[in-house]
C-alpha atoms as a PDB file:
ATOM      1  CA  MET A   1     -66.694-273.542  71.698  1.00  0.00           C
ATOM      2  CA  SER A   2     -69.870-275.042  70.221  1.00  0.00           C
ATOM      3  CA  ARG A   3     -71.932-272.250  71.774  1.00  0.00           C
ATOM      4  CA  CYS A   4     -69.713-269.649  70.123  1.00  0.00           C
ATOM      5  CA  LEU A   5     -70.117-271.335  66.741  1.00  0.00           C
ATOM      6  CA  THR A   6     -73.870-271.586  67.193  1.00  0.00           C
ATOM      7  CA  SER A   7     -74.160-267.938  68.144  1.00  0.00           C
ATOM      8  CA  ALA A   8     -72.112-266.957  65.101  1.00  0.00           C
ATOM      9  CA  ILE A   9     -74.174-269.064  62.703  1.00  0.00           C
ATOM     10  CA  ARG A  10     -77.626-268.055  63.962  1.00  0.00           C
ATOM     11  CA  PRO A  11     -77.420-264.372  62.877  1.00  0.00           C
ATOM     12  CA  ARG A  12     -76.413-265.466  59.377  1.00  0.00           C
ATOM     13  CA  ALA A  13     -79.294-267.914  59.249  1.00  0.00           C
ATOM     14  CA  ARG A  14     -81.668-265.168  60.334  1.00  0.00           C
ATOM     15  CA  VAL A  15     -80.322-262.893  57.580  1.00  0.00           C
ATOM     16  CA  ARG A  16     -80.845-265.584  54.927  1.00  0.00           C
ATOM     17  CA  SER A  17     -84.321-266.300  56.258  1.00  0.00           C
ATOM     18  CA  SER A  18     -85.145-262.598  56.171  1.00  0.00           C
ATOM     19  CA  ARG A  19     -84.004-262.310  52.561  1.00  0.00           C
ATOM     20  CA  LEU A  20     -86.049-265.330  51.519  1.00  0.00           C
ATOM     21  CA  SER A  21     -89.111-263.934  53.225  1.00  0.00           C
ATOM     22  CA  ARG A  22     -88.625-260.614  51.395  1.00  0.00           C
ATOM     23  CA  VAL A  23     -88.482-262.451  48.064  1.00  0.00           C
ATOM     24  CA  ARG A  24     -91.649-264.429  48.849  1.00  0.00           C
ATOM     25  CA  GLU A  25     -93.427-261.315  50.069  1.00  0.00           C
ATOM     26  CA  PHE A  26     -92.475-259.406  46.938  1.00  0.00           C
ATOM     27  CA  GLY A  27     -93.745-262.220  44.704  1.00  0.00           C
ATOM     28  CA  THR A  28     -97.072-262.307  46.522  1.00  0.00           C
ATOM     29  CA  LEU A  29     -97.572-258.550  46.488  1.00  0.00           C
ATOM     30  CA  ALA A  30     -96.513-258.163  42.851  1.00  0.00           C
ATOM     31  CA  ARG A  31     -99.237-260.563  41.820  1.00  0.00           C
ATOM     32  CA  ARG A  32    -101.897-258.713  43.766  1.00  0.00           C
ATOM     33  CA  VAL A  33    -101.266-255.007  43.426  1.00  0.00           C
ATOM     34  CA  HIS A  34    -102.307-252.823  40.531  1.00  0.00           C
ATOM     35  CA  LEU A  35     -99.666-252.443  37.821  1.00  0.00           C
ATOM     36  CA  ARG A  36     -99.205-248.743  38.500  1.00  0.00           C
ATOM     37  CA  SER A  37     -98.407-249.191  42.183  1.00  0.00           C
ATOM     38  CA  LEU A  38     -95.429-251.520  41.827  1.00  0.00           C
ATOM     39  CA  ASP A  39     -93.020-248.798  42.957  1.00  0.00           C
ATOM     40  CA  ALA A  40     -94.142-249.454  46.527  1.00  0.00           C
ATOM     41  CA  VAL A  41     -93.367-253.175  46.486  1.00  0.00           C
ATOM     42  CA  THR A  42     -90.237-253.499  44.333  1.00  0.00           C
ATOM     43  CA  PRO A  43     -87.229-254.310  46.518  1.00  0.00           C
ATOM     44  CA  LEU A  44     -83.667-253.672  45.408  1.00  0.00           C
ATOM     45  CA  PHE A  45     -83.012-257.005  43.712  1.00  0.00           C
ATOM     46  CA  ARG A  46     -81.077-257.234  40.450  1.00  0.00           C
ATOM     47  CA  LEU A  47     -80.591-259.912  37.848  1.00  0.00           C
ATOM     48  CA  PRO A  48     -77.366-261.937  37.581  1.00  0.00           C
ATOM     49  CA  ALA A  49     -76.727-260.438  34.139  1.00  0.00           C
ATOM     50  CA  GLU A  50     -76.651-256.966  35.704  1.00  0.00           C
ATOM     51  CA  LEU A  51     -74.576-257.951  38.710  1.00  0.00           C
ATOM     52  CA  VAL A  52     -71.770-259.441  36.641  1.00  0.00           C
ATOM     53  CA  PRO A  53     -70.166-256.110  35.581  1.00  0.00           C
ATOM     54  CA  ALA A  54     -69.926-255.120  39.259  1.00  0.00           C
ATOM     55  CA  VAL A  55     -68.133-258.340  40.270  1.00  0.00           C
ATOM     56  CA  PRO A  56     -64.365-257.869  40.739  1.00  0.00           C
ATOM     57  CA  GLU A  57     -62.352-259.145  37.778  1.00  0.00           C
ATOM     58  CA  PRO A  58     -60.532-261.973  39.666  1.00  0.00           C
ATOM     59  CA  ALA A  59     -63.808-263.360  41.014  1.00  0.00           C
ATOM     60  CA  ARG A  60     -65.439-262.944  37.610  1.00  0.00           C
ATOM     61  CA  LYS A  61     -62.706-265.039  35.990  1.00  0.00           C
ATOM     62  CA  VAL A  62     -63.140-267.833  38.516  1.00  0.00           C
ATOM     63  CA  ILE A  63     -66.918-267.886  38.074  1.00  0.00           C
ATOM     64  CA  ARG A  64     -66.677-267.759  34.293  1.00  0.00           C
ATOM     65  CA  GLY A  65     -64.131-270.579  34.319  1.00  0.00           C
ATOM     66  CA  ALA A  66     -66.442-272.819  36.332  1.00  0.00           C
ATOM     67  CA  VAL A  67     -69.417-272.008  34.104  1.00  0.00           C
ATOM     68  CA  ARG A  68     -67.427-272.654  30.928  1.00  0.00           C
ATOM     69  CA  ALA A  69     -66.087-275.997  32.198  1.00  0.00           C
ATOM     70  CA  TYR A  70     -69.606-277.207  32.979  1.00  0.00           C
ATOM     71  CA  GLY A  71     -70.898-275.834  29.676  1.00  0.00           C
ATOM     72  CA  ARG A  72     -68.266-277.654  27.632  1.00  0.00           C
ATOM     73  CA  ALA A  73     -69.263-280.934  29.264  1.00  0.00           C
ATOM     74  CA  THR A  74     -72.964-280.432  28.450  1.00  0.00           C
ATOM     75  CA  TYR A  75     -72.870-278.481  25.145  1.00  0.00           C
ATOM     76  CA  ALA A  76     -74.795-281.174  23.247  1.00  0.00           C
ATOM     77  CA  VAL A  77     -78.026-280.376  25.133  1.00  0.00           C
ATOM     78  CA  ARG A  78     -77.692-276.605  24.739  1.00  0.00           C
ATOM     79  CA  PRO A  79     -79.505-275.070  21.741  1.00  0.00           C
ATOM     80  CA  LEU A  80     -78.198-272.141  19.729  1.00  0.00           C
ATOM     81  CA  PRO A  81     -79.906-268.776  20.381  1.00  0.00           C
ATOM     82  CA  ASP A  82     -83.072-267.597  18.651  1.00  0.00           C
ATOM     83  CA  PHE A  83     -82.181-263.904  19.027  1.00  0.00           C
ATOM     84  CA  LEU A  84     -79.216-261.624  19.648  1.00  0.00           C
ATOM     85  CA  ILE A  85     -78.937-258.131  21.089  1.00  0.00           C
ATOM     86  CA  ILE A  86     -75.987-256.963  19.000  1.00  0.00           C
ATOM     87  CA  GLY A  87     -75.271-253.486  20.406  1.00  0.00           C
ATOM     88  CA  ALA A  88     -74.381-250.804  20.728  1.00  0.00           C
ATOM     89  CA  GLN A  89     -72.063-250.665  23.711  1.00  0.00           C
ATOM     90  CA  LYS A  90     -73.211-248.289  26.506  1.00  0.00           C
ATOM     91  CA  ALA A  91     -76.640-247.941  24.874  1.00  0.00           C
ATOM     92  CA  GLY A  92     -78.890-249.832  27.306  1.00  0.00           C
ATOM     93  CA  THR A  93     -78.314-253.417  26.192  1.00  0.00           C
ATOM     94  CA  THR A  94     -77.905-254.661  29.772  1.00  0.00           C
ATOM     95  CA  ALA A  95     -81.298-253.250  30.757  1.00  0.00           C
ATOM     96  CA  LEU A  96     -83.093-254.596  27.680  1.00  0.00           C
ATOM     97  CA  TYR A  97     -81.551-258.038  28.104  1.00  0.00           C
ATOM     98  CA  ALA A  98     -82.566-258.104  31.770  1.00  0.00           C
ATOM     99  CA  TYR A  99     -86.165-257.182  30.913  1.00  0.00           C
ATOM    100  CA  LEU A 100     -86.390-259.867  28.243  1.00  0.00           C
ATOM    101  CA  ARG A 101     -85.041-262.602  30.514  1.00  0.00           C
ATOM    102  CA  TRP A 102     -87.949-262.036  32.884  1.00  0.00           C
ATOM    103  CA  HIS A 103     -90.391-263.106  30.193  1.00  0.00           C
ATOM    104  CA  PRO A 104     -91.604-266.656  31.022  1.00  0.00           C
ATOM    105  CA  GLU A 105     -90.886-267.749  27.440  1.00  0.00           C
ATOM    106  CA  ILE A 106     -87.440-266.150  27.105  1.00  0.00           C
ATOM    107  CA  THR A 107     -84.168-267.275  28.617  1.00  0.00           C
ATOM    108  CA  GLY A 108     -80.456-266.804  28.125  1.00  0.00           C
ATOM    109  CA  PRO A 109     -77.073-266.872  29.851  1.00  0.00           C
ATOM    110  CA  SER A 110     -76.884-265.252  33.266  1.00  0.00           C
ATOM    111  CA  PHE A 111     -73.554-263.822  32.126  1.00  0.00           C
ATOM    112  CA  LYS A 112     -74.189-261.086  29.607  1.00  0.00           C
ATOM    113  CA  GLU A 113     -71.701-260.703  26.748  1.00  0.00           C
ATOM    114  CA  VAL A 114     -70.725-264.180  25.644  1.00  0.00           C
ATOM    115  CA  SER A 115     -68.865-262.334  22.852  1.00  0.00           C
ATOM    116  CA  PHE A 116     -68.593-265.382  20.621  1.00  0.00           C
ATOM    117  CA  PHE A 117     -69.014-263.734  17.220  1.00  0.00           C
ATOM    118  CA  ASP A 118     -66.486-260.990  17.918  1.00  0.00           C
ATOM    119  CA  ARG A 119     -63.912-262.201  20.442  1.00  0.00           C
ATOM    120  CA  HIS A 120     -64.160-266.000  20.795  1.00  0.00           C
ATOM    121  CA  TYR A 121     -65.236-267.232  17.370  1.00  0.00           C
ATOM    122  CA  VAL A 122     -62.060-269.248  17.000  1.00  0.00           C
ATOM    123  CA  HIS A 123     -63.217-271.572  19.822  1.00  0.00           C
ATOM    124  CA  GLY A 124     -66.013-273.027  17.702  1.00  0.00           C
ATOM    125  CA  GLU A 125     -69.727-273.724  18.009  1.00  0.00           C
ATOM    126  CA  ALA A 126     -69.397-276.228  20.873  1.00  0.00           C
ATOM    127  CA  TRP A 127     -67.742-273.524  22.992  1.00  0.00           C
ATOM    128  CA  TYR A 128     -70.612-271.174  22.179  1.00  0.00           C
ATOM    129  CA  ARG A 129     -73.299-273.714  23.036  1.00  0.00           C
ATOM    130  CA  GLY A 130     -71.573-274.325  26.347  1.00  0.00           C
ATOM    131  CA  HIS A 131     -72.478-270.777  27.431  1.00  0.00           C
ATOM    132  CA  LEU A 132     -76.193-271.111  26.641  1.00  0.00           C
ATOM    133  CA  PRO A 133     -78.907-272.635  28.849  1.00  0.00           C
ATOM    134  CA  ALA A 134     -79.453-276.386  28.610  1.00  0.00           C
ATOM    135  CA  ARG A 135     -82.726-277.940  27.434  1.00  0.00           C
ATOM    136  CA  PRO A 136     -83.426-279.809  30.709  1.00  0.00           C
ATOM    137  CA  ARG A 137     -83.481-276.457  32.475  1.00  0.00           C
ATOM    138  CA  HIS A 138     -86.372-275.404  30.197  1.00  0.00           C
ATOM    139  CA  TRP A 139     -88.451-278.535  30.606  1.00  0.00           C
ATOM    140  CA  LEU A 140     -90.805-277.111  33.238  1.00  0.00           C
ATOM    141  CA  ALA A 141     -91.457-273.993  31.140  1.00  0.00           C
ATOM    142  CA  ARG A 142     -92.268-276.206  28.159  1.00  0.00           C
ATOM    143  CA  GLN A 143     -94.706-278.265  30.230  1.00  0.00           C
ATOM    144  CA  ARG A 144     -96.504-275.108  31.376  1.00  0.00           C
ATOM    145  CA  ARG A 145     -96.491-273.145  28.120  1.00  0.00           C
ATOM    146  CA  GLY A 146     -96.531-275.924  25.524  1.00  0.00           C
ATOM    147  CA  ARG A 147     -93.326-274.780  23.781  1.00  0.00           C
ATOM    148  CA  TRP A 148     -89.637-274.414  24.448  1.00  0.00           C
ATOM    149  CA  PRO A 149     -88.574-270.941  25.651  1.00  0.00           C
ATOM    150  CA  LEU A 150     -86.730-268.666  23.253  1.00  0.00           C
ATOM    151  CA  VAL A 151     -82.999-268.445  23.888  1.00  0.00           C
ATOM    152  CA  GLY A 152     -81.084-265.205  23.400  1.00  0.00           C
ATOM    153  CA  GLU A 153     -77.904-263.441  24.376  1.00  0.00           C
ATOM    154  CA  ALA A 154     -76.576-259.880  24.367  1.00  0.00           C
ATOM    155  CA  SER A 155     -73.059-258.916  23.272  1.00  0.00           C
ATOM    156  CA  PRO A 156     -72.910-255.221  22.353  1.00  0.00           C
ATOM    157  CA  SER A 157     -69.712-255.403  20.297  1.00  0.00           C
ATOM    158  CA  TYR A 158     -71.318-257.618  17.636  1.00  0.00           C
ATOM    159  CA  LEU A 159     -72.745-254.547  15.909  1.00  0.00           C
ATOM    160  CA  PHE A 160     -69.286-252.999  15.618  1.00  0.00           C
ATOM    161  CA  HIS A 161     -67.203-256.031  14.635  1.00  0.00           C
ATOM    162  CA  PRO A 162     -66.366-256.119  10.904  1.00  0.00           C
ATOM    163  CA  LEU A 163     -66.712-259.923  10.645  1.00  0.00           C
ATOM    164  CA  ALA A 164     -69.669-260.499  12.980  1.00  0.00           C
ATOM    165  CA  PRO A 165     -72.518-260.320  10.398  1.00  0.00           C
ATOM    166  CA  GLU A 166     -71.073-263.110   8.240  1.00  0.00           C
ATOM    167  CA  ARG A 167     -70.272-265.197  11.300  1.00  0.00           C
ATOM    168  CA  VAL A 168     -73.789-264.902  12.691  1.00  0.00           C
ATOM    169  CA  GLN A 169     -75.270-265.721   9.295  1.00  0.00           C
ATOM    170  CA  ALA A 170     -73.117-268.856   9.077  1.00  0.00           C
ATOM    171  CA  VAL A 171     -74.100-270.203  12.517  1.00  0.00           C
ATOM    172  CA  ILE A 172     -77.648-268.919  13.201  1.00  0.00           C
ATOM    173  CA  PRO A 173     -79.034-267.478   9.940  1.00  0.00           C
ATOM    174  CA  ALA A 174     -82.629-267.348  11.248  1.00  0.00           C
ATOM    175  CA  ALA A 175     -81.806-265.434  14.446  1.00  0.00           C
ATOM    176  CA  ARG A 176     -83.741-262.248  15.217  1.00  0.00           C
ATOM    177  CA  LEU A 177     -81.469-259.276  15.847  1.00  0.00           C
ATOM    178  CA  VAL A 178     -81.944-256.178  18.012  1.00  0.00           C
ATOM    179  CA  ALA A 179     -79.709-253.094  17.842  1.00  0.00           C
ATOM    180  CA  LEU A 180     -79.955-250.277  20.395  1.00  0.00           C
ATOM    181  CA  LEU A 181     -78.420-246.968  19.303  1.00  0.00           C
ATOM    182  CA  ARG A 182     -77.537-244.056  21.586  1.00  0.00           C
ATOM    183  CA  ASN A 183     -76.580-240.472  20.846  1.00  0.00           C
ATOM    184  CA  PRO A 184     -72.934-240.908  19.701  1.00  0.00           C
ATOM    185  CA  ALA A 185     -71.604-238.092  21.896  1.00  0.00           C
ATOM    186  CA  ASP A 186     -73.291-239.431  25.037  1.00  0.00           C
ATOM    187  CA  ARG A 187     -72.242-242.965  24.150  1.00  0.00           C
ATOM    188  CA  ALA A 188     -68.592-241.944  23.674  1.00  0.00           C
ATOM    189  CA  PHE A 189     -68.442-240.092  27.001  1.00  0.00           C
ATOM    190  CA  SER A 190     -70.059-243.011  28.846  1.00  0.00           C
ATOM    191  CA  HIS A 191     -67.668-245.421  27.150  1.00  0.00           C
ATOM    192  CA  TYR A 192     -64.711-243.282  28.242  1.00  0.00           C
ATOM    193  CA  HIS A 193     -65.799-243.289  31.885  1.00  0.00           C
ATOM    194  CA  HIS A 194     -66.292-247.056  31.675  1.00  0.00           C
ATOM    195  CA  GLU A 195     -62.677-247.526  30.572  1.00  0.00           C
ATOM    196  CA  VAL A 196     -61.408-245.128  33.248  1.00  0.00           C
ATOM    197  CA  ALA A 197     -63.327-247.024  35.931  1.00  0.00           C
ATOM    198  CA  LEU A 198     -61.725-250.279  34.757  1.00  0.00           C
ATOM    199  CA  GLY A 199     -58.263-248.704  34.921  1.00  0.00           C
ATOM    200  CA  ARG A 200     -57.616-249.102  31.191  1.00  0.00           C
ATOM    201  CA  GLU A 201     -57.671-245.435  30.148  1.00  0.00           C
ATOM    202  CA  PRO A 202     -54.890-243.146  31.448  1.00  0.00           C
ATOM    203  CA  LEU A 203     -55.677-240.197  29.148  1.00  0.00           C
ATOM    204  CA  SER A 204     -58.143-237.350  29.543  1.00  0.00           C
ATOM    205  CA  PHE A 205     -61.290-237.505  27.421  1.00  0.00           C
ATOM    206  CA  GLU A 206     -59.957-234.931  24.960  1.00  0.00           C
ATOM    207  CA  GLU A 207     -56.607-236.721  24.674  1.00  0.00           C
ATOM    208  CA  ALA A 208     -58.326-240.077  24.190  1.00  0.00           C
ATOM    209  CA  ILE A 209     -60.456-238.695  21.357  1.00  0.00           C
ATOM    210  CA  ASP A 210     -57.413-237.157  19.682  1.00  0.00           C
ATOM    211  CA  SER A 211     -55.430-240.393  20.060  1.00  0.00           C
ATOM    212  CA  GLU A 212     -58.107-242.774  18.798  1.00  0.00           C
ATOM    213  CA  GLN A 213     -57.025-242.790  15.166  1.00  0.00           C
ATOM    214  CA  GLU A 214     -53.387-243.432  16.055  1.00  0.00           C
ATOM    215  CA  ARG A 215     -54.308-246.161  18.539  1.00  0.00           C
ATOM    216  CA  MET A 216     -56.427-247.890  15.902  1.00  0.00           C
ATOM    217  CA  ARG A 217     -53.896-247.670  13.092  1.00  0.00           C
ATOM    218  CA  GLY A 218     -53.795-251.052  11.300  1.00  0.00           C
ATOM    219  CA  GLU A 219     -55.971-252.822  13.895  1.00  0.00           C
ATOM    220  CA  VAL A 220     -59.109-253.400  11.790  1.00  0.00           C
ATOM    221  CA  GLU A 221     -57.023-254.554   8.834  1.00  0.00           C
ATOM    222  CA  ARG A 222     -55.256-257.111  11.031  1.00  0.00           C
ATOM    223  CA  MET A 223     -58.586-258.299  12.511  1.00  0.00           C
ATOM    224  CA  ILE A 224     -59.869-259.018   9.010  1.00  0.00           C
ATOM    225  CA  ARG A 225     -56.585-260.594   7.917  1.00  0.00           C
ATOM    226  CA  GLU A 226     -56.202-262.733  11.071  1.00  0.00           C
ATOM    227  CA  PRO A 227     -59.668-263.813  12.328  1.00  0.00           C
ATOM    228  CA  SER A 228     -58.216-265.162  15.584  1.00  0.00           C
ATOM    229  CA  TYR A 229     -56.551-261.831  16.462  1.00  0.00           C
ATOM    230  CA  PHE A 230     -58.028-259.925  19.403  1.00  0.00           C
ATOM    231  CA  SER A 231     -57.402-256.177  19.251  1.00  0.00           C
ATOM    232  CA  ARG A 232     -57.369-254.496  22.637  1.00  0.00           C
ATOM    233  CA  PRO A 233     -57.285-250.976  21.155  1.00  0.00           C
ATOM    234  CA  TRP A 234     -60.358-251.869  19.082  1.00  0.00           C
ATOM    235  CA  TRP A 235     -62.061-253.277  22.180  1.00  0.00           C
ATOM    236  CA  ASN A 236     -61.178-250.447  24.573  1.00  0.00           C
ATOM    237  CA  TYR A 237     -60.506-247.174  22.789  1.00  0.00           C
ATOM    238  CA  THR A 238     -63.009-246.876  19.916  1.00  0.00           C
ATOM    239  CA  TYR A 239     -64.980-243.984  21.400  1.00  0.00           C
ATOM    240  CA  LEU A 240     -65.858-242.271  18.114  1.00  0.00           C
ATOM    241  CA  ALA A 241     -65.811-245.261  15.759  1.00  0.00           C
ATOM    242  CA  ARG A 242     -68.499-247.149  17.676  1.00  0.00           C
ATOM    243  CA  GLY A 243     -70.852-244.214  17.185  1.00  0.00           C
ATOM    244  CA  ARG A 244     -70.692-244.368  13.376  1.00  0.00           C
ATOM    245  CA  TYR A 245     -73.805-246.482  13.179  1.00  0.00           C
ATOM    246  CA  ALA A 246     -74.562-246.127   9.462  1.00  0.00           C
ATOM    247  CA  GLU A 247     -71.562-248.107   8.276  1.00  0.00           C
ATOM    248  CA  GLN A 248     -72.131-250.751  10.948  1.00  0.00           C
ATOM    249  CA  LEU A 249     -75.783-251.249  10.041  1.00  0.00           C
ATOM    250  CA  GLU A 250     -74.895-251.393   6.344  1.00  0.00           C
ATOM    251  CA  ARG A 251     -72.731-254.448   7.038  1.00  0.00           C
ATOM    252  CA  TRP A 252     -75.595-256.189   8.815  1.00  0.00           C
ATOM    253  CA  PHE A 253     -78.247-255.276   6.246  1.00  0.00           C
ATOM    254  CA  ALA A 254     -75.959-256.616   3.526  1.00  0.00           C
ATOM    255  CA  VAL A 255     -76.283-260.051   5.119  1.00  0.00           C
ATOM    256  CA  PHE A 256     -79.689-260.057   6.847  1.00  0.00           C
ATOM    257  CA  PRO A 257     -83.117-258.881   5.584  1.00  0.00           C
ATOM    258  CA  ARG A 258     -84.434-255.727   7.221  1.00  0.00           C
ATOM    259  CA  GLU A 259     -87.401-257.483   8.820  1.00  0.00           C
ATOM    260  CA  GLN A 260     -84.958-259.658  10.779  1.00  0.00           C
ATOM    261  CA  LEU A 261     -83.109-256.748  12.432  1.00  0.00           C
ATOM    262  CA  LEU A 262     -84.920-254.304  14.713  1.00  0.00           C
ATOM    263  CA  VAL A 263     -83.209-250.940  15.264  1.00  0.00           C
ATOM    264  CA  LEU A 264     -84.193-249.037  18.420  1.00  0.00           C
ATOM    265  CA  PHE A 265     -82.928-245.913  20.158  1.00  0.00           C
ATOM    266  CA  THR A 266     -81.917-245.686  23.792  1.00  0.00           C
ATOM    267  CA  GLU A 267     -84.087-242.592  24.140  1.00  0.00           C
ATOM    268  CA  GLU A 268     -87.102-244.659  23.051  1.00  0.00           C
ATOM    269  CA  LEU A 269     -86.407-247.293  25.671  1.00  0.00           C
ATOM    270  CA  SER A 270     -86.123-244.593  28.329  1.00  0.00           C
ATOM    271  CA  ALA A 271     -89.104-242.436  27.324  1.00  0.00           C
ATOM    272  CA  GLN A 272     -91.475-245.180  26.111  1.00  0.00           C
ATOM    273  CA  PRO A 273     -90.418-248.456  27.731  1.00  0.00           C
ATOM    274  CA  ALA A 274     -93.787-250.177  27.204  1.00  0.00           C
ATOM    275  CA  GLN A 275     -93.997-249.465  23.487  1.00  0.00           C
ATOM    276  CA  THR A 276     -90.329-250.322  22.961  1.00  0.00           C
ATOM    277  CA  TYR A 277     -90.634-253.586  24.857  1.00  0.00           C
ATOM    278  CA  ARG A 278     -93.718-254.429  22.805  1.00  0.00           C
ATOM    279  CA  ARG A 279     -91.831-253.842  19.542  1.00  0.00           C
ATOM    280  CA  VAL A 280     -89.140-256.288  20.624  1.00  0.00           C
ATOM    281  CA  LEU A 281     -91.746-258.913  21.461  1.00  0.00           C
ATOM    282  CA  GLU A 282     -93.385-258.333  18.078  1.00  0.00           C
ATOM    283  CA  LEU A 283     -90.062-259.122  16.420  1.00  0.00           C
ATOM    284  CA  PHE A 284     -90.049-262.468  18.232  1.00  0.00           C
ATOM    285  CA  ARG A 285     -93.763-263.161  17.799  1.00  0.00           C
ATOM    286  CA  GLY A 286     -94.215-262.239  14.161  1.00  0.00           C
ATOM    287  CA  ALA A 287     -97.743-261.212  15.115  1.00  0.00           C
ATOM    288  CA  GLU A 288     -99.809-258.207  16.154  1.00  0.00           C
ATOM    289  CA  PRO A 289     -99.003-256.724  19.576  1.00  0.00           C
ATOM    290  CA  PRO A 290    -101.180-257.876  22.480  1.00  0.00           C
ATOM    291  CA  THR A 291    -104.405-255.938  22.927  1.00  0.00           C
ATOM    292  CA  ARG A 292    -104.146-255.652  26.692  1.00  0.00           C
ATOM    293  CA  ARG A 293    -102.475-252.426  27.794  1.00  0.00           C
ATOM    294  CA  ILE A 294     -98.884-252.537  29.039  1.00  0.00           C
ATOM    295  CA  ALA A 295     -98.367-250.137  31.939  1.00  0.00           C
ATOM    296  CA  LEU A 296     -94.646-249.666  32.466  1.00  0.00           C
ATOM    297  CA  SER A 297     -93.060-247.096  34.722  1.00  0.00           C
ATOM    298  CA  ARG A 298     -90.228-244.921  33.438  1.00  0.00           C
ATOM    299  CA  THR A 299     -88.694-245.012  36.912  1.00  0.00           C
ATOM    300  CA  ALA A 300     -87.776-248.640  36.245  1.00  0.00           C
ATOM    301  CA  LEU A 301     -85.175-247.357  33.819  1.00  0.00           C
ATOM    302  CA  VAL A 302     -84.102-244.312  35.791  1.00  0.00           C
ATOM    303  CA  LYS A 303     -83.647-246.301  39.000  1.00  0.00           C
ATOM    304  CA  LYS A 304     -82.380-249.434  37.192  1.00  0.00           C
ATOM    305  CA  LYS A 305     -85.019-251.765  38.593  1.00  0.00           C
ATOM    306  CA  PRO A 306     -85.648-254.283  35.820  1.00  0.00           C
ATOM    307  CA  ARG A 307     -87.854-256.498  37.967  1.00  0.00           C
ATOM    308  CA  GLN A 308     -90.330-253.682  38.267  1.00  0.00           C
ATOM    309  CA  LEU A 309     -90.522-253.276  34.506  1.00  0.00           C
ATOM    310  CA  ALA A 310     -90.781-256.991  33.899  1.00  0.00           C
ATOM    311  CA  ALA A 311     -93.399-257.451  36.617  1.00  0.00           C
ATOM    312  CA  CYS A 312     -95.512-254.807  34.940  1.00  0.00           C
ATOM    313  CA  CYS A 313     -95.282-256.748  31.703  1.00  0.00           C
ATOM    314  CA  ARG A 314     -96.375-259.991  33.311  1.00  0.00           C
ATOM    315  CA  GLY A 315     -99.964-258.865  33.220  1.00  0.00           C
ATOM    316  CA  SER A 316     -99.919-258.017  29.543  1.00  0.00           C
ATOM    317  CA  ALA A 317     -97.517-259.030  26.787  1.00  0.00           C
ATOM    318  CA  MET A 318     -96.209-261.914  28.832  1.00  0.00           C
ATOM    319  CA  GLU A 319     -99.575-263.617  28.889  1.00  0.00           C
ATOM    320  CA  GLY A 320     -99.701-264.527  25.207  1.00  0.00           C
ATOM    321  CA  PRO A 321     -97.497-267.005  23.345  1.00  0.00           C
ATOM    322  CA  LEU A 322     -94.543-265.668  21.450  1.00  0.00           C
ATOM    323  CA  PHE A 323     -95.449-267.693  18.359  1.00  0.00           C
ATOM    324  CA  LEU A 324     -98.973-267.976  16.986  1.00  0.00           C
END
């Protein structure tokens, strides 16, 4: 019996050992190779923030429950965020958040979309802090870099929520804000397929577009009238409304100064990832961009390999402090 157990365990141990060796090998090679040749050494690893949407809903609920319970017990040592990626949905926020979390002076929740300022505001600030990284976790980074890492989170419905700007201003008025905007037609079609994949949309795309106004009848008014109300039609079926960016940005600019909110386009992030990444870092730094050239590969976006993009940045923008 013991031999059978040993033989069953050994292959698993070898698999784990092989994975660890791949990680170590990748780290060594990434430090040595030229920035432009990282395609050859980037394995198919992904960040926790990107893996979460692919986790089955029952497992996701269990994991989130455990994380929230621990967070509530330790909220006092968890600082509020320094920046927010506020949207838009299906515009590349997951990729941008993943790239930023690989910066040695930037951190945030492994679970993307805390959704405090739109969906869970009624739970209070302690609940929100419980989802953010704790200070002890940042101690080593502070010892190495001489400053605490920046904390941020990404919840793409903040941009669209009618009450989110005032809520953010009340809790973190100095936060830097980043909005990613995508072609409204492409965004709507991607959003539709997202809802279909989750089993929440029974209609065809044309029927869903035609039904949006009826589905949303009275929902926004009730959200404003009852701040604790969560509207599922607003959350799931706003294919066209989420693409009306002008009115959404007007709400944010009415509360925050323009220099505090950076507006980017998904096409910029795809076509010019280095320059776009640099602009985001400038928003956090409040200083001139680094002089050393950032060589980022567009295939990092096309193939969804954020580690490749972040590793490229480690030799450039990541070297300097965020605050001068």
